[in-house]
Protein backbone atom coordinates (compact mmCIF):
# COMPACT_ATOMS: atom_id res chain seq x y z
CA MET A 1 25.61 -38.68 -21.03
CA LYS A 2 24.19 -35.31 -19.52
CA LEU A 3 21.32 -34.06 -21.27
CA LYS A 4 19.40 -31.23 -20.87
CA ILE A 5 15.71 -30.65 -22.05
CA TRP A 6 16.57 -26.74 -21.85
CA VAL A 7 18.76 -27.33 -25.01
CA ARG A 8 16.85 -26.24 -27.50
CA GLU A 9 15.31 -23.01 -25.48
CA LEU A 10 18.58 -22.01 -25.62
CA LEU A 11 19.47 -22.14 -28.97
CA CYS A 12 16.22 -19.50 -29.41
CA LEU A 13 17.73 -16.76 -27.04
CA PHE A 14 21.46 -17.55 -28.51
CA LEU A 15 20.12 -16.66 -31.73
CA GLY A 16 17.07 -14.62 -30.90
CA PHE A 17 18.66 -12.77 -28.40
CA ILE A 18 15.98 -12.68 -25.86
CA ALA A 19 17.05 -10.00 -23.28
CA MET A 20 14.13 -10.22 -21.04
CA VAL A 21 11.99 -12.60 -20.25
CA PHE A 22 8.66 -12.08 -18.62
CA THR A 23 7.33 -13.99 -15.78
CA PRO A 24 4.07 -14.31 -15.12
CA GLY A 25 4.39 -16.22 -12.27
CA PHE A 26 5.98 -12.84 -10.27
CA LYS A 27 4.42 -11.28 -7.85
CA VAL A 28 5.41 -9.99 -4.39
CA ASP A 29 4.73 -12.85 -1.29
CA GLN A 30 7.02 -10.42 1.26
CA PRO A 31 5.40 -6.77 1.76
CA VAL A 32 8.91 -5.02 3.25
CA ASN A 33 10.92 -2.18 3.15
CA LEU A 34 13.32 -2.98 1.77
CA ASP A 35 15.38 0.11 1.93
CA ASN A 36 16.12 -1.21 5.25
CA TYR A 37 18.66 -4.07 3.63
CA LYS A 38 21.70 -4.30 1.94
CA ALA A 39 23.81 -6.49 0.06
CA LEU A 40 25.70 -9.04 2.60
CA THR A 41 29.83 -9.06 2.31
CA LYS A 42 31.40 -12.00 3.46
CA GLY A 43 31.73 -12.37 6.88
CA ASP A 44 28.83 -10.62 7.52
CA SER A 45 26.56 -12.27 9.85
CA LEU A 46 22.53 -13.37 8.79
CA PRO A 47 20.52 -10.51 9.94
CA ALA A 48 17.11 -10.52 11.71
CA MET A 49 14.60 -11.35 9.39
CA ALA A 50 11.01 -12.28 9.81
CA SER A 51 9.60 -15.55 8.28
CA PHE A 52 9.80 -16.68 5.23
CA PRO A 53 6.63 -17.94 2.66
CA VAL A 54 7.29 -21.32 2.25
CA LEU A 55 6.08 -24.46 -0.09
CA ASN A 56 7.41 -28.29 0.69
CA TYR A 57 7.96 -27.72 4.86
CA LYS A 58 6.84 -29.50 8.41
CA SER A 59 4.61 -25.64 7.98
CA THR A 60 3.57 -22.55 5.63
CA THR A 61 6.40 -20.37 7.00
CA ILE A 62 10.14 -20.74 7.65
CA ASN A 63 12.92 -18.71 9.50
CA LEU A 64 16.22 -19.32 8.79
CA ALA A 65 17.98 -18.17 11.78
CA ASP A 66 16.61 -22.05 12.82
CA PHE A 67 19.31 -23.08 10.89
CA LYS A 68 22.15 -20.95 12.53
CA ASP A 69 23.77 -24.43 14.20
CA ARG A 70 23.76 -25.41 10.99
CA LEU A 71 25.52 -25.25 7.08
CA LEU A 72 22.24 -23.31 5.31
CA VAL A 73 22.60 -23.51 1.70
CA LEU A 74 20.16 -21.38 -0.12
CA ASP A 75 19.33 -22.48 -3.76
CA PHE A 76 17.72 -19.66 -5.50
CA TRP A 77 15.84 -20.90 -8.62
CA ALA A 78 13.20 -20.67 -10.97
CA THR A 79 10.46 -22.99 -12.83
CA THR A 80 11.85 -21.30 -15.97
CA CYS A 81 15.86 -22.24 -14.89
CA GLY A 82 16.38 -25.44 -16.46
CA SER A 83 19.80 -26.22 -15.37
CA CYS A 84 18.62 -25.56 -11.64
CA LEU A 85 15.72 -28.22 -12.40
CA GLU A 86 17.65 -30.52 -13.04
CA ALA A 87 20.19 -30.26 -10.20
CA MET A 88 17.01 -30.62 -8.02
CA PRO A 89 17.52 -34.78 -7.65
CA SER A 90 21.07 -34.74 -6.78
CA ILE A 91 20.34 -31.68 -4.49
CA ALA A 92 17.85 -33.58 -2.65
CA LYS A 93 20.28 -36.63 -2.22
CA LEU A 94 23.30 -33.67 -0.33
CA GLN A 95 20.11 -33.02 1.80
CA GLU A 96 19.79 -36.35 2.82
CA GLN A 97 23.37 -37.57 2.69
CA PHE A 98 24.10 -34.55 5.71
CA LYS A 99 20.88 -34.78 7.20
CA GLY A 100 21.22 -32.75 10.52
CA HIS A 101 24.33 -30.98 9.30
CA VAL A 102 23.06 -29.28 6.14
CA GLN A 103 19.63 -27.45 5.40
CA VAL A 104 19.42 -26.72 1.74
CA VAL A 105 15.97 -23.98 1.38
CA ASP A 106 15.37 -23.02 -2.65
CA VAL A 107 14.67 -19.85 -3.07
CA ASP A 108 12.25 -18.76 -5.36
CA TYR A 109 11.19 -15.68 -6.79
CA GLU A 110 8.07 -16.86 -7.96
CA HIS A 111 4.39 -16.34 -6.43
CA ALA A 112 3.43 -19.58 -4.45
CA ASP A 113 0.55 -19.59 -6.66
CA TYR A 114 2.89 -20.51 -9.93
CA VAL A 115 4.97 -22.53 -8.16
CA ALA A 116 2.57 -24.61 -6.52
CA ALA A 117 1.12 -25.27 -10.06
CA TYR A 118 4.03 -26.48 -11.56
CA PHE A 119 4.68 -28.66 -8.20
CA SER A 120 1.07 -30.16 -9.36
CA LYS A 121 2.34 -31.11 -13.04
CA HIS A 122 5.64 -32.47 -12.00
CA PRO A 123 4.85 -34.08 -8.75
CA ALA A 124 8.38 -35.98 -8.73
CA LYS A 125 9.76 -32.02 -8.18
CA LYS A 126 7.79 -31.68 -5.12
CA ALA A 127 8.33 -35.21 -3.58
CA LEU A 128 11.77 -34.54 -3.62
CA GLY A 129 10.80 -32.35 -0.82
CA LEU A 130 13.28 -29.72 -0.60
CA PRO A 131 11.51 -26.59 0.90
CA VAL A 132 10.86 -23.41 -0.98
CA ILE A 133 10.90 -20.03 -0.45
CA THR A 134 8.14 -17.83 -2.76
CA GLY A 135 8.05 -14.59 -3.98
CA ASP A 136 11.22 -13.68 -2.79
CA ILE A 137 12.46 -10.09 -3.17
CA LEU A 138 14.10 -9.91 0.11
CA LEU A 139 16.76 -12.32 0.10
CA LYS A 140 17.73 -11.45 -3.50
CA LYS A 141 18.16 -7.39 -1.58
CA GLU A 142 20.59 -9.93 0.90
CA PHE A 143 22.54 -12.06 -1.79
CA PRO A 144 22.03 -10.00 -5.42
CA TYR A 145 22.65 -12.41 -8.49
CA GLN A 146 22.00 -11.43 -11.93
CA TYR A 147 22.01 -15.28 -13.03
CA LEU A 148 20.99 -18.44 -11.63
CA PRO A 149 21.62 -21.24 -10.47
CA HIS A 150 22.70 -18.68 -6.78
CA VAL A 151 24.29 -20.94 -4.19
CA VAL A 152 24.94 -19.13 -1.49
CA TRP A 153 26.36 -20.35 1.46
CA ILE A 154 26.00 -19.79 5.44
CA ARG A 155 28.04 -20.96 8.16
CA ASN A 156 27.23 -20.96 11.44
CA GLY A 157 24.84 -17.65 10.37
CA VAL A 158 27.70 -16.32 9.06
CA PHE A 159 27.94 -15.63 5.13
CA ILE A 160 30.68 -17.20 3.56
CA GLY A 161 30.22 -16.76 0.06
CA ALA A 162 28.17 -17.05 -2.76
CA THR A 163 29.03 -19.71 -6.11
CA ASP A 164 27.01 -21.02 -8.92
CA GLY A 165 25.45 -24.31 -8.95
CA ASP A 166 28.01 -27.15 -10.00
CA TYR A 167 29.59 -26.38 -6.54
CA LEU A 168 26.91 -27.85 -4.86
CA ASN A 169 28.73 -31.23 -3.99
CA ALA A 170 29.09 -33.96 -1.48
CA ILE A 171 33.23 -32.55 -1.59
CA ASN A 172 32.80 -29.00 -0.91
CA ILE A 173 30.19 -30.06 1.45
CA GLU A 174 32.55 -31.82 3.66
CA LYS A 175 35.29 -29.44 3.23
CA VAL A 176 32.91 -26.37 4.70
CA LEU A 177 31.72 -28.76 6.94
CA ALA A 178 35.24 -29.01 8.14
CA ASN A 179 35.62 -25.30 9.19
CA ALA A 180 38.23 -25.23 5.91
CA ASN A 181 38.80 -21.79 4.24
CA PHE A 182 36.24 -21.02 2.00
CA THR A 183 38.36 -21.22 -1.80
CA PHE A 184 35.95 -21.97 -4.59
CA THR A 185 35.38 -19.06 -7.09
CA THR A 186 32.57 -17.35 -5.69
CA LYS A 187 30.11 -14.78 -7.37
CA ASP A 188 31.00 -11.72 -6.09
CA GLN A 189 28.88 -8.43 -6.63
CA VAL A 190 29.71 -6.57 -10.19
CA ASN A 191 28.28 -2.88 -11.14
CA VAL A 192 26.17 -3.80 -13.98
CA PRO A 193 26.82 -1.67 -17.34
CA ASP A 194 23.96 -0.29 -19.40
CA TYR A 195 23.56 -2.65 -21.95
CA HIS A 196 21.42 0.25 -23.79
CA VAL A 197 24.95 2.29 -24.98
CA PRO A 198 28.13 1.38 -26.21
CA LEU A 199 29.71 -1.49 -23.37
CA PHE A 200 33.02 0.40 -23.86
CA LEU A 201 33.49 3.54 -25.61
CA VAL A 202 30.83 5.93 -23.19
CA SER A 203 31.95 7.35 -20.23
CA GLY A 204 30.67 5.15 -17.33
CA ASN A 205 31.03 2.08 -19.46
CA ASN A 206 34.63 1.91 -19.62
CA GLY A 207 35.40 4.12 -22.64
CA ALA A 208 35.50 7.70 -23.72
CA THR A 209 32.78 9.75 -24.63
CA GLY A 210 31.87 10.75 -28.37
CA SER A 211 29.64 10.12 -30.90
CA ILE A 212 31.29 6.82 -32.92
CA MET A 213 29.91 6.05 -36.10
CA ALA A 214 31.66 2.54 -36.94
CA SER A 215 34.02 0.27 -34.27
CA SER A 216 35.12 -3.47 -33.05
CA VAL A 217 35.69 -4.30 -29.87
CA PHE A 218 36.53 -7.81 -28.61
CA THR A 219 37.32 -9.30 -25.58
CA SER A 220 37.68 -12.02 -23.42
CA ALA A 221 35.26 -12.59 -20.47
CA MET A 222 34.05 -9.53 -18.39
CA PRO A 223 33.91 -11.39 -14.78
CA GLY A 224 30.61 -11.58 -12.79
CA LEU A 225 28.57 -10.40 -15.92
CA GLN A 226 25.35 -12.73 -16.87
CA LEU A 227 25.78 -13.74 -20.63
CA LYS A 228 23.75 -11.88 -22.94
CA ALA A 229 23.16 -10.44 -25.90
CA GLY A 230 21.19 -7.60 -27.92
CA TRP A 231 20.88 -5.64 -30.97
CA ASP A 232 20.11 -1.95 -31.14
CA THR A 233 19.63 1.19 -33.46
CA SER A 234 19.78 4.29 -33.17
CA GLY A 235 20.62 7.22 -34.43
CA GLN A 236 22.25 7.08 -37.51
CA LYS A 237 24.01 3.37 -36.52
CA THR A 238 23.32 -0.23 -35.36
CA ARG A 239 25.42 -1.74 -32.50
CA PHE A 240 25.14 -5.57 -31.84
CA TYR A 241 26.89 -6.85 -28.27
CA ALA A 242 27.32 -9.69 -26.66
CA VAL A 243 28.73 -10.25 -23.70
CA ASN A 244 30.52 -13.81 -21.84
CA HIS A 245 29.51 -15.58 -24.90
CA PRO A 246 31.35 -18.68 -25.85
CA LEU A 247 32.72 -19.60 -29.16
CA LEU A 248 30.38 -21.61 -30.45
CA ASN A 249 27.34 -19.26 -29.59
CA LEU A 250 28.61 -16.38 -31.43
CA PHE A 251 29.33 -18.47 -35.07
CA ALA A 252 25.97 -19.57 -33.96
CA VAL A 253 24.86 -16.05 -34.41
CA ALA A 254 27.23 -15.07 -36.86
CA LEU A 255 26.44 -17.76 -39.07
CA ASN A 256 22.65 -18.05 -37.97
CA SER A 257 22.37 -21.49 -37.87
CA GLY A 258 22.04 -23.78 -34.48
CA LEU A 259 24.83 -26.59 -36.10
CA PRO A 260 27.09 -25.46 -33.90
CA PHE A 261 25.27 -26.41 -30.69
CA ILE A 262 24.66 -30.33 -32.41
CA PRO A 263 27.63 -32.27 -31.67
CA ASN A 264 27.10 -34.95 -34.24
CA ARG A 265 26.66 -32.04 -37.11
CA ARG A 266 30.34 -30.38 -36.34
CA LEU A 267 33.21 -31.21 -37.55
CA LEU A 268 36.32 -30.24 -35.85
CA ALA A 269 39.75 -29.80 -37.66
CA ILE A 270 41.02 -27.66 -34.91
CA HIS A 271 44.75 -28.08 -32.44
CA ASP A 272 42.69 -27.30 -29.12
CA SER A 273 39.03 -28.61 -28.99
CA SER A 274 39.57 -26.88 -25.23
CA LEU A 275 38.58 -23.70 -27.00
CA ILE A 276 35.25 -24.22 -27.56
CA LEU A 277 34.38 -27.30 -25.63
CA ASN A 278 35.02 -28.49 -21.54
CA LEU A 279 36.28 -31.42 -22.26
CA LYS A 280 38.27 -31.57 -18.77
CA HIS A 281 34.73 -31.09 -17.10
CA ASP A 282 36.13 -28.14 -15.20
CA TYR A 283 33.68 -25.76 -12.46
CA GLU A 284 31.28 -23.91 -15.34
CA ASP A 285 33.08 -20.65 -14.26
CA GLN A 286 36.54 -21.50 -14.09
CA TRP A 287 36.15 -22.52 -17.73
CA ALA A 288 33.96 -19.34 -18.78
CA ALA A 289 36.41 -17.46 -17.02
CA SER A 290 39.43 -17.72 -19.85
CA HIS A 291 36.38 -19.23 -22.69
CA THR A 292 34.16 -16.96 -23.21
CA TYR A 293 34.06 -13.88 -24.96
CA CYS A 294 32.98 -10.11 -25.80
CA SER A 295 32.18 -8.73 -28.70
CA GLN A 296 30.62 -4.91 -29.86
CA ILE A 297 30.55 -3.64 -33.45
CA ILE A 298 29.06 -1.09 -34.45
CA VAL A 299 28.05 0.26 -37.96
CA PRO A 300 26.61 2.93 -40.08
CA GLY A 301 22.98 2.68 -40.20
CA ASN A 302 22.70 1.32 -43.90
CA ASN A 303 24.77 -1.61 -43.30
CA SER A 304 22.80 -5.17 -42.88
CA LYS A 305 23.09 -7.55 -40.08
CA ALA A 306 24.46 -9.65 -42.46
CA GLN A 307 27.85 -7.32 -42.77
CA ILE A 308 27.82 -7.05 -38.68
CA LYS A 309 27.76 -10.80 -38.74
CA GLU A 310 30.51 -11.26 -41.63
CA LEU A 311 32.43 -8.81 -39.02
CA LEU A 312 32.24 -10.89 -35.64
CA LEU A 313 33.43 -13.83 -38.06
CA ALA A 314 36.68 -11.94 -39.13
CA GLU A 315 36.91 -10.49 -35.74
CA ILE A 316 36.67 -14.43 -34.03
CA ARG A 317 39.31 -15.06 -37.03
CA SER A 318 41.75 -12.79 -35.99
CA SER A 319 41.44 -12.84 -32.33
CA VAL A 320 41.28 -16.35 -31.54
CA GLY A 321 42.89 -17.96 -34.86
CA LEU A 322 38.93 -19.99 -35.51
CA ILE A 323 37.33 -20.35 -39.34
CA GLY A 324 33.63 -21.14 -39.06
CA VAL A 325 31.39 -22.16 -41.63
CA ILE A 326 28.41 -23.98 -43.07
CA ALA A 327 29.57 -26.14 -45.40
CA LYS A 328 27.45 -29.63 -47.57
CA TYR A 329 28.82 -32.69 -47.18
CA GLU A 330 28.02 -36.06 -47.73
CA MET A 331 27.35 -38.23 -44.43
CA ASN A 332 25.87 -41.41 -42.83
CA CYS A 333 22.68 -40.34 -40.92
CA LEU A 334 19.36 -41.88 -39.98
CA THR A 335 16.16 -40.94 -40.68
CA LEU A 336 12.73 -40.92 -38.72
CA SER A 337 9.71 -41.30 -40.89
CA THR A 338 6.54 -42.47 -40.75
CA PRO A 339 5.11 -45.06 -43.45
CA VAL A 340 2.64 -43.53 -46.12
CA ASN A 341 0.39 -46.20 -45.78
CA SER A 342 -2.67 -45.40 -44.33
CA SER A 343 -3.24 -48.40 -42.78
CA THR A 344 -0.56 -47.79 -40.16
CA ALA A 345 -3.54 -46.04 -38.56
CA SER A 346 -4.08 -48.64 -35.64
CA LEU A 347 -1.32 -47.75 -34.50
CA PRO A 348 -0.40 -45.95 -31.07
CA HIS A 349 0.44 -42.77 -33.24
CA HIS A 350 -1.31 -40.65 -30.06
CA SER A 351 -0.33 -39.37 -26.90
CA LEU A 352 -2.10 -39.69 -23.71
CA TYR A 353 -1.02 -36.40 -22.70
CA LYS A 354 -2.10 -32.66 -23.43
CA LEU A 355 1.60 -30.87 -22.32
CA LYS A 356 5.38 -32.07 -23.68
CA GLU A 357 7.81 -33.51 -20.74
CA ILE A 358 10.62 -34.32 -21.39
CA SER A 359 12.41 -36.09 -18.25
CA ILE A 360 16.01 -37.74 -18.22
CA GLU A 361 17.75 -38.25 -15.43
CA PRO A 362 20.60 -39.98 -14.53
CA GLY A 363 19.33 -43.60 -12.35
CA LYS A 364 15.53 -42.91 -13.23
CA PRO A 365 13.07 -43.81 -15.94
CA VAL A 366 13.24 -41.94 -18.95
CA ILE A 367 9.80 -39.67 -19.50
CA LEU A 368 8.99 -38.50 -22.96
CA HIS A 369 5.32 -37.48 -23.24
CA HIS A 370 3.35 -35.36 -26.27
CA ILE A 371 6.46 -35.36 -28.03
CA ASP A 372 6.72 -35.31 -32.74
CA LEU A 373 9.54 -36.39 -34.75
CA ASP A 374 11.35 -33.11 -34.28
CA ASP A 375 11.23 -34.09 -30.76
CA LEU A 376 12.59 -37.02 -31.09
CA ALA A 377 15.25 -36.35 -33.40
CA TRP A 378 17.01 -33.53 -31.25
CA LEU A 379 17.36 -35.95 -28.46
CA MET A 380 18.92 -39.07 -30.20
CA ASN A 381 21.02 -35.98 -32.27
CA GLU A 382 22.69 -35.61 -28.62
CA GLN A 383 23.73 -39.80 -28.49
CA ALA A 384 26.80 -40.23 -30.55
CA ILE A 385 25.49 -41.94 -33.26
CA PRO A 386 25.14 -40.66 -36.93
CA PRO A 387 22.94 -36.83 -37.64
CA VAL A 388 19.48 -38.16 -37.62
CA ILE A 389 16.78 -36.18 -40.21
CA VAL A 390 13.04 -36.34 -39.77
CA GLU A 391 11.52 -37.14 -43.32
CA ILE A 392 8.16 -35.61 -44.33
CA ASP A 393 5.41 -37.73 -42.89
CA ASP A 394 2.07 -37.95 -44.31
CA LYS A 395 0.17 -36.61 -41.23
CA PRO A 396 1.20 -34.94 -37.67
CA LEU A 397 2.31 -37.41 -34.90
CA VAL A 398 2.36 -37.11 -31.40
CA PHE A 399 3.51 -39.94 -29.41
CA ASP A 400 4.54 -40.56 -26.18
CA LEU A 401 8.08 -42.51 -25.56
CA ASP A 402 8.97 -44.37 -22.09
CA MET A 403 11.44 -46.10 -20.98
CA SER A 404 14.07 -47.25 -18.54
CA ALA A 405 17.29 -45.66 -20.22
CA LEU A 406 17.84 -44.44 -23.63
CA PRO A 407 18.65 -47.00 -26.10
CA ASN A 408 22.51 -47.38 -26.41
CA SER A 409 22.77 -48.59 -30.07
CA VAL A 410 21.45 -47.43 -33.35
CA ASP A 411 19.68 -50.93 -33.42
CA VAL A 412 17.46 -50.51 -29.82
CA TRP A 413 16.50 -46.92 -31.47
CA LYS A 414 15.13 -48.88 -34.35
CA ASN A 415 13.52 -51.76 -32.20
CA LEU A 416 11.86 -49.39 -29.61
CA LEU A 417 10.40 -47.22 -32.92
CA ALA A 418 9.34 -50.05 -34.54
CA THR A 419 6.74 -50.24 -31.76
CA LYS A 420 4.92 -46.92 -32.65
CA GLY A 421 5.06 -47.50 -35.92
CA ILE A 422 8.34 -45.07 -36.37
CA MET A 423 10.57 -45.79 -39.07
CA LEU A 424 14.56 -45.43 -38.91
CA ASN A 425 16.94 -45.97 -41.75
CA THR A 426 20.25 -45.22 -42.79
CA CYS A 427 21.18 -43.73 -45.84
CA LYS A 428 24.03 -41.21 -47.06
CA ARG A 429 22.44 -37.36 -47.56
CA GLN A 430 24.29 -34.25 -48.37
CA LEU A 431 23.56 -31.77 -45.21
CA ASP A 432 24.43 -28.81 -43.67
CA MET A 433 27.87 -29.67 -41.85
CA PHE A 434 29.19 -26.85 -38.87
CA VAL A 435 33.03 -26.78 -40.05
CA LEU A 436 35.54 -25.39 -37.95
CA THR A 437 38.73 -24.81 -38.42
CA ASP A 438 42.30 -22.97 -37.27
CA ALA A 439 42.69 -20.38 -39.42
CA ASP A 440 46.07 -21.79 -41.32
CA LYS A 441 44.30 -24.81 -42.57
CA HIS A 442 42.49 -25.85 -45.08
CA LEU A 443 38.81 -28.05 -44.67
CA PRO A 444 38.10 -30.82 -43.92
């Protein structure tokens, strides 16, 4: 099971359409004239550059030219990128495996003080020993990206390509070291549209000019663009847009529900589950190229968002042939609760930590600090067990739950939680479920 701590935060992004995140750690560490630098293309040699400020290195600066005799991998990341943080242990293992032949250098746009503060709170990440360039603006200028993670491959001082993070593995490194052709799917530079105006209906945004009062467009993925969505109202019309979203995201928006993201709250009766899930575990960008979509709906201003969401459901049905609804079903489920009896106050219903920390990495102990019952339910719902719901408890509960590995059965969960005074019971309940069917089928 591959758990990502950022899943729950991602739900908020999908449903709330946060278009921009202000990062308090941003501050320029490199006072350089960016006009002297331009984006490199494949085959370009890495230009001479000054040394960069760095953490986790033998000195306080690092010069990339020192690694021109080996494969240099620039791993662009940030402390706010959950998938980047999750990948750090495996990347550190690759660095050790190919020591002397490969040098991985992390690149972060956040200020050194901000990154150092993160490492002080997460010493296990610092202990991985990967050098981190901080406050970067110059390398992003030369290797531009729209989203993280972003991996740049430089062989013998020559830029050979940029990929998504899941391409950074031992097999691909061995291919590059053998001087094989760089045949991976690369993140090529694209012209980013102006998201503040209609994407398909304005000159310069791939369409015609004119004042469009109502329209609906549903297309396949737009290559190279990051996942993005938003609402805007201008004049007498309201516009919704989504760029490169998988169907589960679009259903979550249209149904105003996070249930499509919860595996054990989905009932699937469709002919091809790969329409919504990467079942073959292909590289994510390859799967997304044929399984993500763009939508834009423009309506007169007196239409409500609910009406726009109904139009989005209709577009999915007509374009992809799927119907998604939220419906109640009687389900076997598990309930989390604490005893009402106040005599349980002596049980360890407290945390030794002030901040929430959830760390679940393969082969390492599971760390759950300062969590509550909702956190626990979210974690358990990621497993292939009946749906887990939180009963109303008599008082707020914050606790720690560390273990060598996640329990593999309901009984093991029950025994573990009993040590914290938490009851796990089985029952049948009427639950809201996300039901997905082919357009020509009835609900299960």
